[in-house]
């Protein structure tokens, strides 16, 4: 029976792969003229492309992948010392369409923000809900904004098509006076009585959320690290890493607003991940094993950042993680509270 089921699953996967291949060929054929025009444009700037450079991805469109292609297409774009691009400069050289977040328009291609903003940080997925949507809707008055970009890929079909997904995630309410928050660390975990399958589904595989507040003079600093479960890994330069999202912000006690807010992805080796996930921000002070993972910045805002904006973007950067909602509001989202009550009632009824 098990062998029959396995055979059926393998057949289904094989058919699915064939359907994707057929769709890829069909869409590349549909955009053949667009692709050829783009190839000729790239040839004029000494970038050689071939058919292997192009794929169709349902969540994006026709994608051209080539090492560092974006900087070759727009050599005037400059990275800052943290590898980020200024929103002001991006809006000077490329067009920003508020109806299609995550993309910057040129005449014959579209630049994209970094894959770290996609679901699972995987390049073929759609954007995580709803950080990019919120970022595109920001009023940049009084704020210097920066983003990381997808440097090796651009979208070739220049239009307003976008991939819509039904699920969403709402930011948590936060009403505390930051000036009154005590310095210290917090370590939040999902409920210990839940099965792994429930944790994966209801908590989006969240393992822990670390919080740290500290004050120096008139500046109060916030840090947060989001650890996912042990199966959440990526391959980077041939090695395996656990991606851990990180937030840092600086609150000006005199002005009652944040003066700086940034997000990054830390890449922990399996050894670092196991040593750090059950610890807290004092780990490097208390433990002999010092953890200093590679960290790549995703975004930053400098200037006048309100508490409301900081709360909203933090909630969405840690997309769909009830632990950040719990930290900001003091409880899980209402729908999750109701679901947990039903799960526990059913469990008690079966004992």
C-alpha atoms as a PDB file:
ATOM      1  CA  UNK A   1       0.000   0.000   0.000  1.00  0.00           C
ATOM      2  CA  UNK A   2       2.790   2.401   0.959  1.00  0.00           C
ATOM      3  CA  UNK A   3       4.671   1.581  -2.249  1.00  0.00           C
ATOM      4  CA  UNK A   4       1.533   2.248  -4.300  1.00  0.00           C
ATOM      5  CA  UNK A   5       1.039   5.607  -2.593  1.00  0.00           C
ATOM      6  CA  UNK A   6       4.684   6.513  -3.192  1.00  0.00           C
ATOM      7  CA  UNK A   7       4.372   5.564  -6.840  1.00  0.00           C
ATOM      8  CA  UNK A   8       1.267   7.744  -7.208  1.00  0.00           C
ATOM      9  CA  UNK A   9       3.030  10.697  -5.577  1.00  0.00           C
ATOM     10  CA  UNK A  10       6.052  10.291  -7.843  1.00  0.00           C
ATOM     11  CA  UNK A  11       3.774  10.167 -10.879  1.00  0.00           C
ATOM     12  CA  UNK A  12       1.931  13.280  -9.721  1.00  0.00           C
ATOM     13  CA  UNK A  13       5.208  15.156  -9.169  1.00  0.00           C
ATOM     14  CA  UNK A  14       6.500  14.098 -12.563  1.00  0.00           C
ATOM     15  CA  UNK A  15       3.304  15.300 -14.242  1.00  0.00           C
ATOM     16  CA  UNK A  16       3.539  18.571 -12.321  1.00  0.00           C
ATOM     17  CA  UNK A  17       7.129  19.087 -13.474  1.00  0.00           C
ATOM     18  CA  UNK A  18       6.075  18.440 -17.059  1.00  0.00           C
ATOM     19  CA  UNK A  19       3.256  20.977 -16.761  1.00  0.00           C
ATOM     20  CA  UNK A  20       5.692  23.595 -15.466  1.00  0.00           C
ATOM     21  CA  UNK A  21       8.114  22.886 -18.299  1.00  0.00           C
ATOM     22  CA  UNK A  22       5.304  23.181 -20.833  1.00  0.00           C
ATOM     23  CA  UNK A  23       4.123  26.443 -19.285  1.00  0.00           C
ATOM     24  CA  UNK A  24       7.684  27.777 -19.316  1.00  0.00           C
ATOM     25  CA  UNK A  25       8.085  27.001 -23.035  1.00  0.00           C
ATOM     26  CA  UNK A  26       4.684  28.469 -23.876  1.00  0.00           C
ATOM     27  CA  UNK A  27       5.289  31.759 -22.043  1.00  0.00           C
ATOM     28  CA  UNK A  28       8.815  32.166 -23.388  1.00  0.00           C
ATOM     29  CA  UNK A  29       7.392  31.654 -26.862  1.00  0.00           C
ATOM     30  CA  UNK A  30       4.688  34.244 -26.187  1.00  0.00           C
ATOM     31  CA  UNK A  31       7.312  36.824 -25.196  1.00  0.00           C
ATOM     32  CA  UNK A  32       9.851  35.806 -27.849  1.00  0.00           C
ATOM     33  CA  UNK A  33       9.951  39.266 -29.461  1.00  0.00           C
ATOM     34  CA  UNK A  34      10.291  40.993 -26.073  1.00  0.00           C
ATOM     35  CA  UNK A  35      13.129  38.663 -25.120  1.00  0.00           C
ATOM     36  CA  UNK A  36      14.937  39.166 -28.421  1.00  0.00           C
ATOM     37  CA  UNK A  37      14.717  42.960 -28.104  1.00  0.00           C
ATOM     38  CA  UNK A  38      16.134  42.713 -24.598  1.00  0.00           C
ATOM     39  CA  UNK A  39      18.953  40.437 -25.784  1.00  0.00           C
ATOM     40  CA  UNK A  40      19.882  42.982 -28.451  1.00  0.00           C
ATOM     41  CA  UNK A  41      19.819  45.813 -25.919  1.00  0.00           C
ATOM     42  CA  UNK A  42      22.118  43.874 -23.615  1.00  0.00           C
ATOM     43  CA  UNK A  43      24.413  43.092 -26.531  1.00  0.00           C
ATOM     44  CA  UNK A  44      24.771  46.840 -27.105  1.00  0.00           C
ATOM     45  CA  UNK A  45      26.152  47.205 -23.561  1.00  0.00           C
ATOM     46  CA  UNK A  46      28.452  44.177 -23.904  1.00  0.00           C
ATOM     47  CA  UNK A  47      26.271  41.743 -21.959  1.00  0.00           C
ATOM     48  CA  UNK A  48      25.971  38.417 -23.775  1.00  0.00           C
ATOM     49  CA  UNK A  49      22.776  36.453 -23.113  1.00  0.00           C
ATOM     50  CA  UNK A  50      21.423  33.206 -24.505  1.00  0.00           C
ATOM     51  CA  UNK A  51      18.234  31.177 -24.179  1.00  0.00           C
ATOM     52  CA  UNK A  52      19.447  29.679 -20.897  1.00  0.00           C
ATOM     53  CA  UNK A  53      19.360  33.160 -19.369  1.00  0.00           C
ATOM     54  CA  UNK A  54      15.549  33.289 -19.515  1.00  0.00           C
ATOM     55  CA  UNK A  55      12.864  31.471 -17.567  1.00  0.00           C
ATOM     56  CA  UNK A  56       9.208  32.023 -16.853  1.00  0.00           C
ATOM     57  CA  UNK A  57       8.234  32.173 -13.189  1.00  0.00           C
ATOM     58  CA  UNK A  58       4.459  32.333 -12.512  1.00  0.00           C
ATOM     59  CA  UNK A  59       4.880  34.623  -9.506  1.00  0.00           C
ATOM     60  CA  UNK A  60       7.052  37.096 -11.434  1.00  0.00           C
ATOM     61  CA  UNK A  61       6.913  36.735 -15.204  1.00  0.00           C
ATOM     62  CA  UNK A  62       9.737  36.365 -17.718  1.00  0.00           C
ATOM     63  CA  UNK A  63      12.968  36.545 -15.754  1.00  0.00           C
ATOM     64  CA  UNK A  64      16.457  37.129 -17.089  1.00  0.00           C
ATOM     65  CA  UNK A  65      19.217  35.880 -14.809  1.00  0.00           C
ATOM     66  CA  UNK A  66      22.815  36.932 -15.351  1.00  0.00           C
ATOM     67  CA  UNK A  67      25.599  37.803 -12.883  1.00  0.00           C
ATOM     68  CA  UNK A  68      25.290  41.408 -11.722  1.00  0.00           C
ATOM     69  CA  UNK A  69      22.999  42.273 -14.619  1.00  0.00           C
ATOM     70  CA  UNK A  70      21.247  45.140 -12.845  1.00  0.00           C
ATOM     71  CA  UNK A  71      24.409  47.197 -12.380  1.00  0.00           C
ATOM     72  CA  UNK A  72      25.244  46.646 -16.052  1.00  0.00           C
ATOM     73  CA  UNK A  73      21.807  47.828 -17.125  1.00  0.00           C
ATOM     74  CA  UNK A  74      21.822  50.834 -14.775  1.00  0.00           C
ATOM     75  CA  UNK A  75      25.491  51.642 -14.066  1.00  0.00           C
ATOM     76  CA  UNK A  76      24.527  54.975 -12.514  1.00  0.00           C
ATOM     77  CA  UNK A  77      22.892  53.209  -9.536  1.00  0.00           C
ATOM     78  CA  UNK A  78      25.211  53.160  -6.540  1.00  0.00           C
ATOM     79  CA  UNK A  79      25.223  50.978  -3.448  1.00  0.00           C
ATOM     80  CA  UNK A  80      25.931  52.453  -0.052  1.00  0.00           C
ATOM     81  CA  UNK A  81      28.475  50.843   2.276  1.00  0.00           C
ATOM     82  CA  UNK A  82      25.836  48.357   3.459  1.00  0.00           C
ATOM     83  CA  UNK A  83      24.905  47.218  -0.031  1.00  0.00           C
ATOM     84  CA  UNK A  84      21.604  49.119  -0.099  1.00  0.00           C
ATOM     85  CA  UNK A  85      20.133  51.468  -2.701  1.00  0.00           C
ATOM     86  CA  UNK A  86      18.631  54.863  -1.983  1.00  0.00           C
ATOM     87  CA  UNK A  87      14.908  55.175  -2.662  1.00  0.00           C
ATOM     88  CA  UNK A  88      15.527  58.698  -3.910  1.00  0.00           C
ATOM     89  CA  UNK A  89      18.139  57.528  -6.401  1.00  0.00           C
ATOM     90  CA  UNK A  90      15.986  54.610  -7.519  1.00  0.00           C
ATOM     91  CA  UNK A  91      13.094  56.962  -8.206  1.00  0.00           C
ATOM     92  CA  UNK A  92      15.433  59.162 -10.260  1.00  0.00           C
ATOM     93  CA  UNK A  93      16.654  56.450 -12.623  1.00  0.00           C
ATOM     94  CA  UNK A  94      13.649  54.112 -12.574  1.00  0.00           C
ATOM     95  CA  UNK A  95       9.876  54.510 -12.377  1.00  0.00           C
ATOM     96  CA  UNK A  96       8.036  53.438  -9.230  1.00  0.00           C
ATOM     97  CA  UNK A  97       4.476  52.194  -9.665  1.00  0.00           C
ATOM     98  CA  UNK A  98       2.457  52.185  -6.462  1.00  0.00           C
ATOM     99  CA  UNK A  99       0.144  49.536  -7.923  1.00  0.00           C
ATOM    100  CA  UNK A 100       2.929  46.986  -8.398  1.00  0.00           C
ATOM    101  CA  UNK A 101       5.069  46.890  -5.240  1.00  0.00           C
ATOM    102  CA  UNK A 102       8.512  45.350  -5.397  1.00  0.00           C
ATOM    103  CA  UNK A 103       9.308  46.454  -8.950  1.00  0.00           C
ATOM    104  CA  UNK A 104      11.111  49.410 -10.514  1.00  0.00           C
ATOM    105  CA  UNK A 105      10.287  50.122 -14.155  1.00  0.00           C
ATOM    106  CA  UNK A 106      12.694  50.859 -16.988  1.00  0.00           C
ATOM    107  CA  UNK A 107      11.869  50.977 -20.693  1.00  0.00           C
ATOM    108  CA  UNK A 108      12.683  47.339 -21.426  1.00  0.00           C
ATOM    109  CA  UNK A 109      13.062  45.650 -18.034  1.00  0.00           C
ATOM    110  CA  UNK A 110      11.944  45.823 -14.414  1.00  0.00           C
ATOM    111  CA  UNK A 111      14.316  45.756 -11.463  1.00  0.00           C
ATOM    112  CA  UNK A 112      13.162  43.863  -8.368  1.00  0.00           C
ATOM    113  CA  UNK A 113      13.820  44.090  -4.650  1.00  0.00           C
ATOM    114  CA  UNK A 114      15.897  41.366  -3.039  1.00  0.00           C
ATOM    115  CA  UNK A 115      14.598  37.778  -2.755  1.00  0.00           C
ATOM    116  CA  UNK A 116      14.885  38.080   1.049  1.00  0.00           C
ATOM    117  CA  UNK A 117      11.483  39.795   0.885  1.00  0.00           C
ATOM    118  CA  UNK A 118       9.921  36.764  -0.821  1.00  0.00           C
ATOM    119  CA  UNK A 119       8.237  33.872   0.951  1.00  0.00           C
ATOM    120  CA  UNK A 120      10.854  31.599   2.430  1.00  0.00           C
ATOM    121  CA  UNK A 121      13.469  33.977   0.988  1.00  0.00           C
ATOM    122  CA  UNK A 122      13.221  31.938  -2.214  1.00  0.00           C
ATOM    123  CA  UNK A 123      13.529  33.682  -5.562  1.00  0.00           C
ATOM    124  CA  UNK A 124      10.603  31.922  -7.258  1.00  0.00           C
ATOM    125  CA  UNK A 125       8.042  32.799  -4.574  1.00  0.00           C
ATOM    126  CA  UNK A 126       5.814  35.828  -4.251  1.00  0.00           C
ATOM    127  CA  UNK A 127       6.427  38.607  -1.731  1.00  0.00           C
ATOM    128  CA  UNK A 128       5.860  37.860   1.934  1.00  0.00           C
ATOM    129  CA  UNK A 129       2.710  39.616   3.169  1.00  0.00           C
ATOM    130  CA  UNK A 130       2.814  42.624   3.481  1.00  0.00           C
ATOM    131  CA  UNK A 131       6.133  44.360   4.070  1.00  0.00           C
ATOM    132  CA  UNK A 132       6.758  45.369   0.465  1.00  0.00           C
ATOM    133  CA  UNK A 133       3.173  46.607   0.065  1.00  0.00           C
ATOM    134  CA  UNK A 134       3.569  48.808   3.134  1.00  0.00           C
ATOM    135  CA  UNK A 135       7.005  50.051   2.077  1.00  0.00           C
ATOM    136  CA  UNK A 136       5.661  51.107  -1.331  1.00  0.00           C
ATOM    137  CA  UNK A 137       2.889  53.029   0.399  1.00  0.00           C
ATOM    138  CA  UNK A 138       5.166  55.014   2.707  1.00  0.00           C
ATOM    139  CA  UNK A 139       5.232  58.758   2.781  1.00  0.00           C
ATOM    140  CA  UNK A 140       8.947  59.438   2.451  1.00  0.00           C
ATOM    141  CA  UNK A 141       8.672  62.932   3.904  1.00  0.00           C
ATOM    142  CA  UNK A 142      11.401  63.321   6.510  1.00  0.00           C
ATOM    143  CA  UNK A 143      12.741  59.813   5.806  1.00  0.00           C
ATOM    144  CA  UNK A 144      15.758  58.585   3.871  1.00  0.00           C
ATOM    145  CA  UNK A 145      14.831  55.078   2.732  1.00  0.00           C
ATOM    146  CA  UNK A 146      17.093  52.333   1.407  1.00  0.00           C
ATOM    147  CA  UNK A 147      16.416  48.838   0.026  1.00  0.00           C
ATOM    148  CA  UNK A 148      18.358  45.792  -1.112  1.00  0.00           C
ATOM    149  CA  UNK A 149      17.804  44.756  -4.731  1.00  0.00           C
ATOM    150  CA  UNK A 150      17.922  41.570  -6.771  1.00  0.00           C
ATOM    151  CA  UNK A 151      21.215  42.227  -8.540  1.00  0.00           C
ATOM    152  CA  UNK A 152      21.342  39.097 -10.688  1.00  0.00           C
ATOM    153  CA  UNK A 153      17.792  39.035 -12.054  1.00  0.00           C
ATOM    154  CA  UNK A 154      15.421  41.407 -13.843  1.00  0.00           C
ATOM    155  CA  UNK A 155      11.920  40.972 -15.180  1.00  0.00           C
ATOM    156  CA  UNK A 156      11.662  41.394 -18.940  1.00  0.00           C
ATOM    157  CA  UNK A 157       7.915  41.703 -19.565  1.00  0.00           C
ATOM    158  CA  UNK A 158       7.364  45.355 -18.684  1.00  0.00           C
ATOM    159  CA  UNK A 159       3.714  45.629 -17.697  1.00  0.00           C
ATOM    160  CA  UNK A 160       1.536  45.932 -14.618  1.00  0.00           C
ATOM    161  CA  UNK A 161       0.788  42.233 -14.218  1.00  0.00           C
ATOM    162  CA  UNK A 162       1.286  40.908 -10.707  1.00  0.00           C
ATOM    163  CA  UNK A 163       0.672  37.681  -8.847  1.00  0.00           C
ATOM    164  CA  UNK A 164      -2.068  37.925  -6.231  1.00  0.00           C
ATOM    165  CA  UNK A 165      -2.374  35.626  -3.224  1.00  0.00           C
ATOM    166  CA  UNK A 166      -5.310  35.559  -0.857  1.00  0.00           C
ATOM    167  CA  UNK A 167      -3.586  35.308   2.508  1.00  0.00           C
ATOM    168  CA  UNK A 168      -2.492  38.390   4.373  1.00  0.00           C
ATOM    169  CA  UNK A 169      -1.035  39.456   7.690  1.00  0.00           C
ATOM    170  CA  UNK A 170      -2.070  42.389   9.829  1.00  0.00           C
ATOM    171  CA  UNK A 171       0.276  44.431  11.962  1.00  0.00           C
ATOM    172  CA  UNK A 172      -0.047  44.309  15.726  1.00  0.00           C
ATOM    173  CA  UNK A 173      -1.307  47.192  17.887  1.00  0.00           C
ATOM    174  CA  UNK A 174       1.277  48.764  20.197  1.00  0.00           C
ATOM    175  CA  UNK A 175       0.383  51.392  22.761  1.00  0.00           C
ATOM    176  CA  UNK A 176       3.297  51.403  25.188  1.00  0.00           C
ATOM    177  CA  UNK A 177       5.347  54.464  26.034  1.00  0.00           C
ATOM    178  CA  UNK A 178       8.757  53.410  24.754  1.00  0.00           C
ATOM    179  CA  UNK A 179      10.490  55.706  27.220  1.00  0.00           C
ATOM    180  CA  UNK A 180       9.032  53.596  30.043  1.00  0.00           C
ATOM    181  CA  UNK A 181      10.075  50.204  28.651  1.00  0.00           C
ATOM    182  CA  UNK A 182      12.743  48.709  30.894  1.00  0.00           C
ATOM    183  CA  UNK A 183      16.068  47.706  29.413  1.00  0.00           C
ATOM    184  CA  UNK A 184      16.557  43.958  29.181  1.00  0.00           C
ATOM    185  CA  UNK A 185      16.000  40.877  27.066  1.00  0.00           C
ATOM    186  CA  UNK A 186      12.950  38.752  26.257  1.00  0.00           C
ATOM    187  CA  UNK A 187      12.778  35.302  24.676  1.00  0.00           C
ATOM    188  CA  UNK A 188       9.390  34.315  23.247  1.00  0.00           C
ATOM    189  CA  UNK A 189       8.485  30.768  22.202  1.00  0.00           C
ATOM    190  CA  UNK A 190       5.321  29.211  20.746  1.00  0.00           C
ATOM    191  CA  UNK A 191       3.187  27.095  23.115  1.00  0.00           C
ATOM    192  CA  UNK A 192       5.059  23.955  24.169  1.00  0.00           C
ATOM    193  CA  UNK A 193       1.933  21.771  24.086  1.00  0.00           C
ATOM    194  CA  UNK A 194       1.412  22.068  20.320  1.00  0.00           C
ATOM    195  CA  UNK A 195       2.361  19.337  17.873  1.00  0.00           C
ATOM    196  CA  UNK A 196       4.974  20.206  15.266  1.00  0.00           C
ATOM    197  CA  UNK A 197       2.380  20.201  12.483  1.00  0.00           C
ATOM    198  CA  UNK A 198       0.380  22.893  14.284  1.00  0.00           C
ATOM    199  CA  UNK A 199       3.509  24.955  14.888  1.00  0.00           C
ATOM    200  CA  UNK A 200       4.367  24.819  11.197  1.00  0.00           C
ATOM    201  CA  UNK A 201       0.885  25.905  10.159  1.00  0.00           C
ATOM    202  CA  UNK A 202      -0.213  28.326  12.879  1.00  0.00           C
ATOM    203  CA  UNK A 203       3.156  29.855  13.775  1.00  0.00           C
ATOM    204  CA  UNK A 204       4.722  29.686  10.302  1.00  0.00           C
ATOM    205  CA  UNK A 205       7.506  27.487  11.678  1.00  0.00           C
ATOM    206  CA  UNK A 206       8.547  30.139  14.222  1.00  0.00           C
ATOM    207  CA  UNK A 207      10.912  28.717  16.830  1.00  0.00           C
ATOM    208  CA  UNK A 208      11.713  31.791  18.920  1.00  0.00           C
ATOM    209  CA  UNK A 209      11.714  35.575  18.943  1.00  0.00           C
ATOM    210  CA  UNK A 210      14.439  37.410  20.846  1.00  0.00           C
ATOM    211  CA  UNK A 211      13.960  41.011  21.958  1.00  0.00           C
ATOM    212  CA  UNK A 212      16.456  43.403  23.523  1.00  0.00           C
ATOM    213  CA  UNK A 213      16.098  47.003  24.738  1.00  0.00           C
ATOM    214  CA  UNK A 214      19.077  49.087  25.866  1.00  0.00           C
ATOM    215  CA  UNK A 215      19.605  52.778  26.589  1.00  0.00           C
ATOM    216  CA  UNK A 216      22.618  55.017  26.155  1.00  0.00           C
ATOM    217  CA  UNK A 217      22.112  58.699  26.862  1.00  0.00           C
ATOM    218  CA  UNK A 218      19.001  59.900  25.046  1.00  0.00           C
ATOM    219  CA  UNK A 219      18.914  56.959  22.610  1.00  0.00           C
ATOM    220  CA  UNK A 220      16.983  53.785  23.365  1.00  0.00           C
ATOM    221  CA  UNK A 221      17.896  50.874  21.079  1.00  0.00           C
ATOM    222  CA  UNK A 222      15.694  47.965  20.030  1.00  0.00           C
ATOM    223  CA  UNK A 223      16.876  44.653  18.603  1.00  0.00           C
ATOM    224  CA  UNK A 224      14.905  41.586  17.541  1.00  0.00           C
ATOM    225  CA  UNK A 225      15.888  38.211  16.081  1.00  0.00           C
ATOM    226  CA  UNK A 226      13.434  35.758  14.530  1.00  0.00           C
ATOM    227  CA  UNK A 227      14.459  32.094  14.594  1.00  0.00           C
ATOM    228  CA  UNK A 228      12.578  29.615  12.433  1.00  0.00           C
ATOM    229  CA  UNK A 229      12.438  25.845  12.914  1.00  0.00           C
ATOM    230  CA  UNK A 230      15.438  23.608  12.152  1.00  0.00           C
ATOM    231  CA  UNK A 231      14.126  22.609   8.715  1.00  0.00           C
ATOM    232  CA  UNK A 232      14.215  26.210   7.500  1.00  0.00           C
ATOM    233  CA  UNK A 233      17.571  26.323   5.708  1.00  0.00           C
ATOM    234  CA  UNK A 234      18.999  27.788   2.524  1.00  0.00           C
ATOM    235  CA  UNK A 235      22.043  27.069   0.402  1.00  0.00           C
ATOM    236  CA  UNK A 236      24.503  29.920   0.061  1.00  0.00           C
ATOM    237  CA  UNK A 237      27.807  29.605  -1.793  1.00  0.00           C
ATOM    238  CA  UNK A 238      27.557  25.838  -1.489  1.00  0.00           C
ATOM    239  CA  UNK A 239      27.022  25.826   2.287  1.00  0.00           C
ATOM    240  CA  UNK A 240      23.920  25.349   4.441  1.00  0.00           C
ATOM    241  CA  UNK A 241      22.666  28.212   6.603  1.00  0.00           C
ATOM    242  CA  UNK A 242      19.706  29.032   8.811  1.00  0.00           C
ATOM    243  CA  UNK A 243      18.427  32.481   7.756  1.00  0.00           C
ATOM    244  CA  UNK A 244      17.487  34.594  10.776  1.00  0.00           C
ATOM    245  CA  UNK A 245      15.722  37.916  10.289  1.00  0.00           C
ATOM    246  CA  UNK A 246      17.038  40.780  12.412  1.00  0.00           C
ATOM    247  CA  UNK A 247      15.669  44.228  13.256  1.00  0.00           C
ATOM    248  CA  UNK A 248      17.477  47.156  14.843  1.00  0.00           C
ATOM    249  CA  UNK A 249      16.033  50.567  15.693  1.00  0.00           C
ATOM    250  CA  UNK A 250      17.113  53.665  17.626  1.00  0.00           C
ATOM    251  CA  UNK A 251      14.523  55.722  19.501  1.00  0.00           C
ATOM    252  CA  UNK A 252      15.264  59.354  20.354  1.00  0.00           C
ATOM    253  CA  UNK A 253      13.871  59.946  23.847  1.00  0.00           C
ATOM    254  CA  UNK A 254      14.013  63.719  23.389  1.00  0.00           C
ATOM    255  CA  UNK A 255      12.013  63.710  20.147  1.00  0.00           C
ATOM    256  CA  UNK A 256       9.748  60.721  20.969  1.00  0.00           C
ATOM    257  CA  UNK A 257      10.402  59.102  17.600  1.00  0.00           C
ATOM    258  CA  UNK A 258      12.785  56.648  15.988  1.00  0.00           C
ATOM    259  CA  UNK A 259      15.740  58.208  14.213  1.00  0.00           C
ATOM    260  CA  UNK A 260      16.910  54.955  12.607  1.00  0.00           C
ATOM    261  CA  UNK A 261      15.290  51.624  11.706  1.00  0.00           C
ATOM    262  CA  UNK A 262      16.796  48.758   9.716  1.00  0.00           C
ATOM    263  CA  UNK A 263      16.294  45.098   8.938  1.00  0.00           C
ATOM    264  CA  UNK A 264      18.750  42.418   7.896  1.00  0.00           C
ATOM    265  CA  UNK A 265      19.164  38.688   7.431  1.00  0.00           C
ATOM    266  CA  UNK A 266      21.745  36.855   9.493  1.00  0.00           C
ATOM    267  CA  UNK A 267      23.100  33.581   8.130  1.00  0.00           C
ATOM    268  CA  UNK A 268      23.789  31.133  10.958  1.00  0.00           C
ATOM    269  CA  UNK A 269      25.707  27.927  10.404  1.00  0.00           C
ATOM    270  CA  UNK A 270      23.957  24.823  11.811  1.00  0.00           C
ATOM    271  CA  UNK A 271      26.321  24.928  14.797  1.00  0.00           C
ATOM    272  CA  UNK A 272      25.637  28.621  15.444  1.00  0.00           C
ATOM    273  CA  UNK A 273      21.900  28.119  15.043  1.00  0.00           C
ATOM    274  CA  UNK A 274      21.721  25.330  17.632  1.00  0.00           C
ATOM    275  CA  UNK A 275      23.869  27.292  20.078  1.00  0.00           C
ATOM    276  CA  UNK A 276      21.934  30.543  19.730  1.00  0.00           C
ATOM    277  CA  UNK A 277      18.247  29.709  19.205  1.00  0.00           C
ATOM    278  CA  UNK A 278      17.556  28.874  22.883  1.00  0.00           C
ATOM    279  CA  UNK A 279      19.710  31.693  24.218  1.00  0.00           C
ATOM    280  CA  UNK A 280      19.196  35.468  24.063  1.00  0.00           C
ATOM    281  CA  UNK A 281      20.996  38.693  23.199  1.00  0.00           C
ATOM    282  CA  UNK A 282      23.382  38.202  26.124  1.00  0.00           C
ATOM    283  CA  UNK A 283      24.738  34.998  24.578  1.00  0.00           C
ATOM    284  CA  UNK A 284      28.106  36.421  23.551  1.00  0.00           C
ATOM    285  CA  UNK A 285      28.586  37.852  27.036  1.00  0.00           C
ATOM    286  CA  UNK A 286      27.710  34.655  28.895  1.00  0.00           C
ATOM    287  CA  UNK A 287      28.990  31.897  26.604  1.00  0.00           C
ATOM    288  CA  UNK A 288      32.460  30.850  25.479  1.00  0.00           C
ATOM    289  CA  UNK A 289      31.249  30.222  21.923  1.00  0.00           C
ATOM    290  CA  UNK A 290      30.931  33.671  20.369  1.00  0.00           C
ATOM    291  CA  UNK A 291      28.445  33.904  17.518  1.00  0.00           C
ATOM    292  CA  UNK A 292      29.087  36.453  14.783  1.00  0.00           C
ATOM    293  CA  UNK A 293      27.107  35.344  11.729  1.00  0.00           C
ATOM    294  CA  UNK A 294      27.279  36.974   8.334  1.00  0.00           C
ATOM    295  CA  UNK A 295      24.637  39.684   8.144  1.00  0.00           C
ATOM    296  CA  UNK A 296      23.250  41.269   4.976  1.00  0.00           C
ATOM    297  CA  UNK A 297      21.134  44.397   5.284  1.00  0.00           C
ATOM    298  CA  UNK A 298      17.655  44.318   3.711  1.00  0.00           C
ATOM    299  CA  UNK A 299      16.385  47.858   4.308  1.00  0.00           C
ATOM    300  CA  UNK A 300      16.879  50.942   6.429  1.00  0.00           C
ATOM    301  CA  UNK A 301      15.055  54.156   7.240  1.00  0.00           C
ATOM    302  CA  UNK A 302      16.821  57.229   8.596  1.00  0.00           C
ATOM    303  CA  UNK A 303      15.084  60.370   9.786  1.00  0.00           C
ATOM    304  CA  UNK A 304      11.716  60.767  11.453  1.00  0.00           C
ATOM    305  CA  UNK A 305      10.159  57.316  11.913  1.00  0.00           C
ATOM    306  CA  UNK A 306       6.990  57.158  13.991  1.00  0.00           C
ATOM    307  CA  UNK A 307       6.299  54.437  16.542  1.00  0.00           C
ATOM    308  CA  UNK A 308       3.286  53.403  14.462  1.00  0.00           C
ATOM    309  CA  UNK A 309       5.424  52.934  11.345  1.00  0.00           C
ATOM    310  CA  UNK A 310       8.099  51.033  13.283  1.00  0.00           C
ATOM    311  CA  UNK A 311       5.455  48.711  14.722  1.00  0.00           C
ATOM    312  CA  UNK A 312       3.784  48.120  11.365  1.00  0.00           C
ATOM    313  CA  UNK A 313       6.957  47.396   9.405  1.00  0.00           C
ATOM    314  CA  UNK A 314       8.397  45.224  12.179  1.00  0.00           C
ATOM    315  CA  UNK A 315       5.209  43.145  12.196  1.00  0.00           C
ATOM    316  CA  UNK A 316       5.379  42.696   8.438  1.00  0.00           C
ATOM    317  CA  UNK A 317       9.123  42.077   8.260  1.00  0.00           C
ATOM    318  CA  UNK A 318       8.557  39.120  10.603  1.00  0.00           C
ATOM    319  CA  UNK A 319       5.724  38.092   8.302  1.00  0.00           C
ATOM    320  CA  UNK A 320       2.897  35.985   9.734  1.00  0.00           C
ATOM    321  CA  UNK A 321       4.771  35.346  12.982  1.00  0.00           C
ATOM    322  CA  UNK A 322       2.321  35.473  15.925  1.00  0.00           C
ATOM    323  CA  UNK A 323       5.229  35.954  18.336  1.00  0.00           C
ATOM    324  CA  UNK A 324       5.850  39.531  17.183  1.00  0.00           C
ATOM    325  CA  UNK A 325       2.115  40.179  17.464  1.00  0.00           C
ATOM    326  CA  UNK A 326       2.224  38.768  20.987  1.00  0.00           C
ATOM    327  CA  UNK A 327       5.156  40.992  21.912  1.00  0.00           C
ATOM    328  CA  UNK A 328       3.548  44.173  20.640  1.00  0.00           C
ATOM    329  CA  UNK A 329      -0.017  43.548  21.836  1.00  0.00           C
ATOM    330  CA  UNK A 330       0.383  41.184  24.787  1.00  0.00           C
ATOM    331  CA  UNK A 331      -1.564  38.330  23.198  1.00  0.00           C
ATOM    332  CA  UNK A 332      -1.842  36.280  20.034  1.00  0.00           C
ATOM    333  CA  UNK A 333      -4.076  37.486  17.173  1.00  0.00           C
ATOM    334  CA  UNK A 334      -7.767  36.848  17.993  1.00  0.00           C
ATOM    335  CA  UNK A 335      -8.203  34.221  15.268  1.00  0.00           C
ATOM    336  CA  UNK A 336      -5.222  32.282  16.642  1.00  0.00           C
ATOM    337  CA  UNK A 337      -6.501  32.436  20.224  1.00  0.00           C
ATOM    338  CA  UNK A 338      -9.781  30.911  19.062  1.00  0.00           C
ATOM    339  CA  UNK A 339      -8.001  28.199  17.059  1.00  0.00           C
ATOM    340  CA  UNK A 340      -5.727  27.258  19.965  1.00  0.00           C
ATOM    341  CA  UNK A 341      -8.725  26.941  22.289  1.00  0.00           C
ATOM    342  CA  UNK A 342     -10.420  24.557  19.855  1.00  0.00           C
ATOM    343  CA  UNK A 343      -7.274  22.460  19.414  1.00  0.00           C
ATOM    344  CA  UNK A 344      -6.792  22.128  23.166  1.00  0.00           C
ATOM    345  CA  UNK A 345     -10.465  21.337  23.771  1.00  0.00           C
ATOM    346  CA  UNK A 346     -10.303  18.592  21.156  1.00  0.00           C
ATOM    347  CA  UNK A 347      -7.095  17.256  22.682  1.00  0.00           C
ATOM    348  CA  UNK A 348      -8.615  17.157  26.167  1.00  0.00           C
ATOM    349  CA  UNK A 349     -11.676  15.404  24.803  1.00  0.00           C
ATOM    350  CA  UNK A 350      -9.494  12.651  23.363  1.00  0.00           C
ATOM    351  CA  UNK A 351      -7.698  11.936  26.648  1.00  0.00           C
END
